[in-house]
């Protein structure tokens, strides 16, 4: 399992990893087809990214015929845990409670703002009506 922030891959590498997590194992063409649904990339680009992931230890590969088959070393959940841990450590002083508080705050703030906006609108409507009369 990855242990440091540097183990969380950049977006393009993560996109290829997600494709392999869904495939469980695949060659460059397989990954290109999955990635191509959201972001069409050249075969050579996918090949370069997969080779980089092998060098970083995030994938293994073995030869099958003329092609390499790539397999993720780390599970998707393990990578999520590392990413969330990095987020908590970096932005919330290592406190999961602060993250939860932060995530709940926009919901509370938008509910309060929606209520305040409705009250202000009704007060404004009332004042307009009295002015017109």
N, C-alpha and C. Protein backbone atom coordinates (compact mmCIF):
# COMPACT_ATOMS: atom_id res chain seq x y z
N UNK A 1 0.84 -1.18 0.00
CA UNK A 1 0.00 0.00 0.00
C UNK A 1 0.89 1.24 0.00
N UNK A 2 0.52 2.27 -0.80
CA UNK A 2 1.29 3.50 -0.82
C UNK A 2 1.31 4.16 0.55
N UNK A 3 2.42 4.82 0.88
CA UNK A 3 2.55 5.38 2.22
C UNK A 3 2.72 6.90 2.26
N UNK A 4 3.10 7.51 1.15
CA UNK A 4 3.35 8.95 1.18
C UNK A 4 2.51 9.67 0.14
N UNK A 5 2.49 10.99 0.25
CA UNK A 5 1.73 11.81 -0.69
C UNK A 5 2.21 11.60 -2.12
N UNK A 6 3.49 11.31 -2.26
CA UNK A 6 4.02 11.11 -3.61
C UNK A 6 3.51 9.82 -4.23
N UNK A 7 2.89 8.98 -3.43
CA UNK A 7 2.32 7.75 -3.96
C UNK A 7 0.95 7.97 -4.59
N UNK A 8 0.37 9.14 -4.42
CA UNK A 8 -0.90 9.45 -5.07
C UNK A 8 -0.55 9.94 -6.47
N UNK A 9 -0.99 9.22 -7.50
CA UNK A 9 -0.56 9.55 -8.86
C UNK A 9 -1.24 10.81 -9.41
N UNK A 10 -0.57 11.46 -10.35
CA UNK A 10 -1.17 12.61 -11.03
C UNK A 10 -2.37 12.16 -11.88
N UNK A 11 -3.17 13.11 -12.34
CA UNK A 11 -4.44 12.77 -13.01
C UNK A 11 -4.37 11.78 -14.18
N UNK A 12 -3.42 11.92 -15.08
CA UNK A 12 -3.36 11.03 -16.23
C UNK A 12 -2.99 9.60 -15.81
N UNK A 13 -2.07 9.49 -14.87
CA UNK A 13 -1.71 8.17 -14.35
C UNK A 13 -2.90 7.55 -13.61
N UNK A 14 -3.61 8.37 -12.87
CA UNK A 14 -4.78 7.88 -12.14
C UNK A 14 -5.86 7.40 -13.11
N UNK A 15 -6.03 8.10 -14.22
CA UNK A 15 -6.99 7.69 -15.23
C UNK A 15 -6.67 6.30 -15.78
N UNK A 16 -5.39 6.05 -16.04
CA UNK A 16 -4.97 4.73 -16.52
C UNK A 16 -5.12 3.67 -15.44
N UNK A 17 -4.80 4.04 -14.20
CA UNK A 17 -4.99 3.10 -13.09
C UNK A 17 -6.46 2.72 -12.93
N UNK A 18 -7.35 3.71 -13.04
CA UNK A 18 -8.78 3.43 -12.93
C UNK A 18 -9.23 2.47 -14.02
N UNK A 19 -8.70 2.65 -15.20
CA UNK A 19 -9.04 1.74 -16.31
C UNK A 19 -8.59 0.32 -15.98
N UNK A 20 -7.38 0.20 -15.44
CA UNK A 20 -6.88 -1.13 -15.09
C UNK A 20 -7.61 -1.73 -13.90
N UNK A 21 -8.05 -0.90 -12.96
CA UNK A 21 -8.83 -1.44 -11.84
C UNK A 21 -10.13 -2.04 -12.35
N UNK A 22 -10.73 -1.40 -13.35
CA UNK A 22 -11.97 -1.94 -13.90
C UNK A 22 -11.72 -3.19 -14.74
N UNK A 23 -10.57 -3.24 -15.41
CA UNK A 23 -10.22 -4.40 -16.25
C UNK A 23 -9.58 -5.54 -15.45
N UNK A 24 -8.94 -5.20 -14.36
CA UNK A 24 -8.13 -6.10 -13.53
C UNK A 24 -6.79 -6.42 -14.16
N UNK A 25 -6.76 -6.51 -15.47
CA UNK A 25 -5.52 -6.75 -16.21
C UNK A 25 -5.79 -6.36 -17.66
N UNK A 26 -4.80 -5.77 -18.31
CA UNK A 26 -5.02 -5.40 -19.70
C UNK A 26 -3.76 -4.94 -20.38
N UNK A 27 -3.81 -4.93 -21.70
CA UNK A 27 -2.70 -4.41 -22.48
C UNK A 27 -2.95 -2.94 -22.80
N UNK A 28 -2.06 -2.33 -23.53
CA UNK A 28 -2.17 -0.90 -23.82
C UNK A 28 -3.46 -0.60 -24.57
N UNK A 29 -3.80 -1.43 -25.52
CA UNK A 29 -5.02 -1.20 -26.31
C UNK A 29 -6.28 -1.27 -25.44
N UNK A 30 -6.31 -2.23 -24.51
CA UNK A 30 -7.45 -2.34 -23.59
C UNK A 30 -7.61 -1.07 -22.77
N UNK A 31 -6.50 -0.59 -22.23
CA UNK A 31 -6.52 0.62 -21.41
C UNK A 31 -6.92 1.82 -22.26
N UNK A 32 -6.41 1.89 -23.47
CA UNK A 32 -6.73 2.99 -24.37
C UNK A 32 -8.23 3.04 -24.66
N UNK A 33 -8.85 1.87 -24.84
CA UNK A 33 -10.29 1.83 -25.12
C UNK A 33 -11.10 2.34 -23.93
N UNK A 34 -10.73 1.96 -22.73
CA UNK A 34 -11.45 2.41 -21.54
C UNK A 34 -11.23 3.91 -21.31
N UNK A 35 -9.99 4.35 -21.40
CA UNK A 35 -9.67 5.77 -21.19
C UNK A 35 -10.31 6.61 -22.29
N UNK A 36 -10.37 6.08 -23.49
CA UNK A 36 -10.92 6.81 -24.64
C UNK A 36 -12.38 7.18 -24.51
N UNK A 37 -13.10 6.53 -23.61
CA UNK A 37 -14.52 6.88 -23.40
C UNK A 37 -14.67 8.30 -22.87
N UNK A 38 -13.69 8.74 -22.07
CA UNK A 38 -13.77 10.07 -21.48
C UNK A 38 -12.68 11.01 -22.01
N UNK A 39 -11.57 10.44 -22.43
CA UNK A 39 -10.45 11.27 -22.87
C UNK A 39 -9.65 10.52 -23.94
N UNK A 40 -9.90 10.80 -25.20
CA UNK A 40 -9.17 10.09 -26.26
C UNK A 40 -7.68 10.45 -26.24
N UNK A 41 -6.86 9.43 -26.06
CA UNK A 41 -5.41 9.62 -26.03
C UNK A 41 -4.75 8.64 -27.00
N UNK A 42 -3.60 9.02 -27.50
CA UNK A 42 -2.86 8.18 -28.44
C UNK A 42 -2.35 6.91 -27.75
N UNK A 43 -2.22 5.87 -28.53
CA UNK A 43 -1.70 4.59 -28.05
C UNK A 43 -0.36 4.79 -27.36
N UNK A 44 0.51 5.59 -27.99
CA UNK A 44 1.86 5.79 -27.44
C UNK A 44 1.81 6.56 -26.11
N UNK A 45 0.84 7.44 -25.95
CA UNK A 45 0.70 8.17 -24.69
C UNK A 45 0.33 7.21 -23.57
N UNK A 46 -0.63 6.33 -23.84
CA UNK A 46 -1.05 5.34 -22.85
C UNK A 46 0.13 4.42 -22.52
N UNK A 47 0.86 4.00 -23.55
CA UNK A 47 2.01 3.12 -23.34
C UNK A 47 3.06 3.79 -22.44
N UNK A 48 3.33 5.07 -22.68
CA UNK A 48 4.29 5.81 -21.87
C UNK A 48 3.83 5.91 -20.42
N UNK A 49 2.54 6.21 -20.22
CA UNK A 49 2.00 6.34 -18.86
C UNK A 49 2.08 5.00 -18.14
N UNK A 50 1.72 3.92 -18.82
CA UNK A 50 1.77 2.59 -18.20
C UNK A 50 3.20 2.21 -17.85
N UNK A 51 4.14 2.50 -18.73
CA UNK A 51 5.56 2.21 -18.43
C UNK A 51 6.03 3.02 -17.23
N UNK A 52 5.60 4.26 -17.14
CA UNK A 52 5.96 5.10 -15.99
C UNK A 52 5.40 4.51 -14.70
N UNK A 53 4.16 4.00 -14.76
CA UNK A 53 3.54 3.39 -13.58
C UNK A 53 4.26 2.10 -13.17
N UNK A 54 4.79 1.38 -14.14
CA UNK A 54 5.58 0.18 -13.83
C UNK A 54 6.86 0.58 -13.11
N UNK A 55 7.55 1.61 -13.63
CA UNK A 55 8.78 2.09 -12.99
C UNK A 55 8.53 2.58 -11.57
N UNK A 56 7.37 3.16 -11.33
CA UNK A 56 7.03 3.66 -9.99
C UNK A 56 6.54 2.56 -9.06
N UNK A 57 6.36 1.36 -9.60
CA UNK A 57 5.94 0.24 -8.78
C UNK A 57 4.43 0.15 -8.56
N UNK A 58 3.66 0.88 -9.34
CA UNK A 58 2.20 0.86 -9.19
C UNK A 58 1.54 -0.22 -10.05
N UNK A 59 2.28 -0.70 -11.05
CA UNK A 59 1.80 -1.77 -11.93
C UNK A 59 2.89 -2.83 -12.07
N UNK A 60 2.44 -4.04 -12.37
CA UNK A 60 3.38 -5.07 -12.83
C UNK A 60 3.01 -5.38 -14.26
N UNK A 61 3.95 -5.95 -14.98
CA UNK A 61 3.64 -6.34 -16.36
C UNK A 61 4.35 -7.64 -16.68
N UNK A 62 3.72 -8.41 -17.55
CA UNK A 62 4.35 -9.61 -18.07
C UNK A 62 3.98 -9.75 -19.54
N UNK A 63 4.87 -10.37 -20.25
CA UNK A 63 4.70 -10.50 -21.70
C UNK A 63 3.73 -11.63 -22.01
N UNK A 64 2.80 -11.34 -22.90
CA UNK A 64 1.89 -12.36 -23.41
C UNK A 64 1.85 -12.19 -24.92
N UNK A 65 2.48 -13.11 -25.62
CA UNK A 65 2.63 -12.95 -27.06
C UNK A 65 3.55 -11.79 -27.35
N UNK A 66 3.08 -10.87 -28.17
CA UNK A 66 3.88 -9.69 -28.51
C UNK A 66 3.59 -8.50 -27.61
N UNK A 67 2.57 -8.59 -26.76
CA UNK A 67 2.15 -7.45 -25.94
C UNK A 67 2.44 -7.70 -24.46
N UNK A 68 2.51 -6.62 -23.72
CA UNK A 68 2.62 -6.70 -22.27
C UNK A 68 1.22 -6.62 -21.68
N UNK A 69 0.98 -7.40 -20.64
CA UNK A 69 -0.24 -7.28 -19.85
C UNK A 69 0.12 -6.59 -18.55
N UNK A 70 -0.65 -5.56 -18.22
CA UNK A 70 -0.40 -4.75 -17.03
C UNK A 70 -1.44 -5.09 -15.96
N UNK A 71 -0.98 -5.14 -14.70
CA UNK A 71 -1.84 -5.45 -13.56
C UNK A 71 -1.54 -4.46 -12.45
N UNK A 72 -2.57 -3.86 -11.84
CA UNK A 72 -2.33 -2.94 -10.72
C UNK A 72 -1.76 -3.68 -9.51
N UNK A 73 -0.84 -3.04 -8.82
CA UNK A 73 -0.24 -3.59 -7.61
C UNK A 73 -1.10 -3.22 -6.40
N UNK A 74 -1.63 -2.00 -6.43
CA UNK A 74 -2.41 -1.46 -5.32
C UNK A 74 -3.89 -1.43 -5.69
N UNK A 75 -4.74 -1.76 -4.72
CA UNK A 75 -6.18 -1.72 -4.98
C UNK A 75 -6.68 -0.27 -5.01
N UNK A 76 -7.84 -0.10 -5.59
CA UNK A 76 -8.44 1.22 -5.67
C UNK A 76 -8.73 1.77 -4.26
N UNK A 77 -9.23 0.93 -3.38
CA UNK A 77 -9.53 1.38 -2.02
C UNK A 77 -8.27 1.78 -1.27
N UNK A 78 -7.18 1.06 -1.45
CA UNK A 78 -5.93 1.41 -0.80
C UNK A 78 -5.45 2.78 -1.28
N UNK A 79 -5.59 3.04 -2.58
CA UNK A 79 -5.18 4.33 -3.13
C UNK A 79 -6.09 5.44 -2.60
N UNK A 80 -7.38 5.17 -2.47
CA UNK A 80 -8.30 6.16 -1.90
C UNK A 80 -7.90 6.50 -0.46
N UNK A 81 -7.55 5.48 0.31
CA UNK A 81 -7.15 5.71 1.71
C UNK A 81 -5.94 6.63 1.77
N UNK A 82 -4.97 6.40 0.90
CA UNK A 82 -3.77 7.23 0.88
C UNK A 82 -4.12 8.66 0.49
N UNK A 83 -4.99 8.82 -0.52
CA UNK A 83 -5.37 10.16 -0.97
C UNK A 83 -6.12 10.92 0.12
N UNK A 84 -7.03 10.24 0.81
CA UNK A 84 -7.78 10.89 1.88
C UNK A 84 -6.85 11.22 3.05
N UNK A 85 -5.93 10.32 3.37
CA UNK A 85 -4.97 10.57 4.45
C UNK A 85 -4.14 11.80 4.11
N UNK A 86 -3.70 11.91 2.85
CA UNK A 86 -2.91 13.08 2.43
C UNK A 86 -3.75 14.35 2.58
N UNK A 87 -5.00 14.30 2.18
CA UNK A 87 -5.89 15.45 2.30
C UNK A 87 -6.06 15.87 3.76
N UNK A 88 -6.32 14.89 4.61
CA UNK A 88 -6.51 15.17 6.04
C UNK A 88 -5.23 15.72 6.65
N UNK A 89 -4.10 15.11 6.35
CA UNK A 89 -2.82 15.58 6.91
C UNK A 89 -2.47 16.98 6.42
N UNK A 90 -2.69 17.24 5.13
CA UNK A 90 -2.28 18.51 4.53
C UNK A 90 -3.18 19.68 4.88
N UNK A 91 -4.49 19.46 4.88
CA UNK A 91 -5.42 20.57 5.01
C UNK A 91 -6.18 20.62 6.33
N UNK A 92 -6.17 19.52 7.08
CA UNK A 92 -6.99 19.46 8.29
C UNK A 92 -6.17 19.05 9.52
N UNK A 93 -4.88 19.32 9.47
CA UNK A 93 -3.97 19.06 10.59
C UNK A 93 -4.08 17.64 11.13
N UNK A 94 -4.31 16.69 10.24
CA UNK A 94 -4.38 15.29 10.64
C UNK A 94 -5.67 14.90 11.35
N UNK A 95 -6.66 15.78 11.36
CA UNK A 95 -7.90 15.51 12.09
C UNK A 95 -9.04 15.14 11.15
N UNK A 96 -9.45 13.87 11.13
CA UNK A 96 -10.59 13.49 10.30
C UNK A 96 -11.86 14.23 10.72
N UNK A 97 -11.97 14.58 12.00
CA UNK A 97 -13.13 15.33 12.49
C UNK A 97 -13.25 16.69 11.82
N UNK A 98 -12.10 17.35 11.60
CA UNK A 98 -12.12 18.65 10.92
C UNK A 98 -12.59 18.50 9.47
N UNK A 99 -12.20 17.41 8.82
CA UNK A 99 -12.66 17.16 7.45
C UNK A 99 -14.17 16.97 7.43
N UNK A 100 -14.68 16.18 8.35
CA UNK A 100 -16.12 15.93 8.41
C UNK A 100 -16.86 17.24 8.69
N UNK A 101 -16.32 18.03 9.60
CA UNK A 101 -16.91 19.33 9.92
C UNK A 101 -16.93 20.22 8.68
N UNK A 102 -15.84 20.22 7.94
CA UNK A 102 -15.75 21.02 6.72
C UNK A 102 -16.76 20.56 5.68
N UNK A 103 -16.88 19.24 5.52
CA UNK A 103 -17.82 18.71 4.53
C UNK A 103 -19.26 19.01 4.89
N UNK A 104 -19.57 19.05 6.18
CA UNK A 104 -20.93 19.34 6.62
C UNK A 104 -21.24 20.84 6.55
N UNK A 105 -20.23 21.69 6.65
CA UNK A 105 -20.43 23.13 6.69
C UNK A 105 -21.14 23.68 5.45
N UNK A 106 -20.78 23.32 4.23
CA UNK A 106 -21.48 23.88 3.06
C UNK A 106 -22.97 23.53 3.05
N UNK A 107 -23.31 22.34 3.51
CA UNK A 107 -24.70 21.94 3.56
C UNK A 107 -25.45 22.83 4.52
N UNK A 108 -24.87 23.05 5.69
CA UNK A 108 -25.50 23.90 6.70
C UNK A 108 -25.56 25.35 6.20
N UNK A 109 -24.48 25.83 5.63
CA UNK A 109 -24.43 27.21 5.16
C UNK A 109 -25.43 27.45 4.04
N UNK A 110 -25.56 26.52 3.12
CA UNK A 110 -26.51 26.71 2.02
C UNK A 110 -27.94 26.63 2.52
N UNK A 111 -28.20 25.78 3.53
CA UNK A 111 -29.55 25.71 4.10
C UNK A 111 -29.89 27.00 4.82
N UNK A 112 -28.94 27.54 5.56
CA UNK A 112 -29.16 28.80 6.27
C UNK A 112 -29.35 29.93 5.26
N UNK A 113 -28.50 29.95 4.23
CA UNK A 113 -28.59 31.01 3.22
C UNK A 113 -29.92 30.92 2.47
N UNK A 114 -30.38 29.72 2.17
CA UNK A 114 -31.65 29.56 1.48
C UNK A 114 -32.79 30.06 2.35
N UNK A 115 -32.75 29.76 3.62
CA UNK A 115 -33.78 30.24 4.55
C UNK A 115 -33.73 31.75 4.70
N UNK A 116 -32.55 32.31 4.82
CA UNK A 116 -32.39 33.76 4.96
C UNK A 116 -32.82 34.47 3.68
N UNK A 117 -32.51 33.86 2.55
CA UNK A 117 -32.90 34.45 1.27
C UNK A 117 -34.41 34.48 1.11
N UNK A 118 -35.08 33.45 1.56
CA UNK A 118 -36.54 33.39 1.47
C UNK A 118 -37.17 34.42 2.38
N UNK A 119 -36.61 34.58 3.60
CA UNK A 119 -37.13 35.58 4.53
C UNK A 119 -36.94 36.98 3.97
N UNK A 120 -35.76 37.25 3.42
CA UNK A 120 -35.47 38.57 2.86
C UNK A 120 -36.41 38.87 1.69
N UNK A 121 -36.65 37.86 0.86
CA UNK A 121 -37.52 38.05 -0.29
C UNK A 121 -38.95 38.35 0.15
N UNK A 122 -39.43 37.65 1.18
CA UNK A 122 -40.80 37.89 1.64
C UNK A 122 -40.91 39.27 2.29
N UNK A 123 -39.88 39.71 3.03
CA UNK A 123 -39.88 41.05 3.61
C UNK A 123 -39.87 42.10 2.51
N UNK A 124 -39.08 41.86 1.47
CA UNK A 124 -38.99 42.79 0.36
C UNK A 124 -40.33 42.87 -0.37
N UNK A 125 -40.98 41.73 -0.60
CA UNK A 125 -42.28 41.70 -1.25
C UNK A 125 -43.30 42.49 -0.43
N UNK A 126 -43.27 42.32 0.88
CA UNK A 126 -44.20 43.01 1.76
C UNK A 126 -43.98 44.51 1.70
N UNK A 127 -42.72 44.95 1.70
CA UNK A 127 -42.45 46.38 1.66
C UNK A 127 -42.83 46.98 0.32
N UNK A 128 -42.67 46.24 -0.75
CA UNK A 128 -43.07 46.72 -2.07
C UNK A 128 -44.59 46.88 -2.12
N UNK A 129 -45.31 45.90 -1.61
CA UNK A 129 -46.76 45.96 -1.61
C UNK A 129 -47.28 47.19 -0.84
N UNK A 130 -46.69 47.49 0.29
CA UNK A 130 -47.17 48.63 1.08
C UNK A 130 -46.82 49.94 0.41
N UNK A 131 -45.70 49.97 -0.31
CA UNK A 131 -45.31 51.19 -0.99
C UNK A 131 -46.27 51.46 -2.14
N UNK A 132 -46.66 50.42 -2.85
CA UNK A 132 -47.54 50.58 -4.00
C UNK A 132 -48.96 50.97 -3.57
N UNK A 133 -49.38 50.58 -2.38
CA UNK A 133 -50.72 50.91 -1.94
C UNK A 133 -50.73 52.30 -1.47
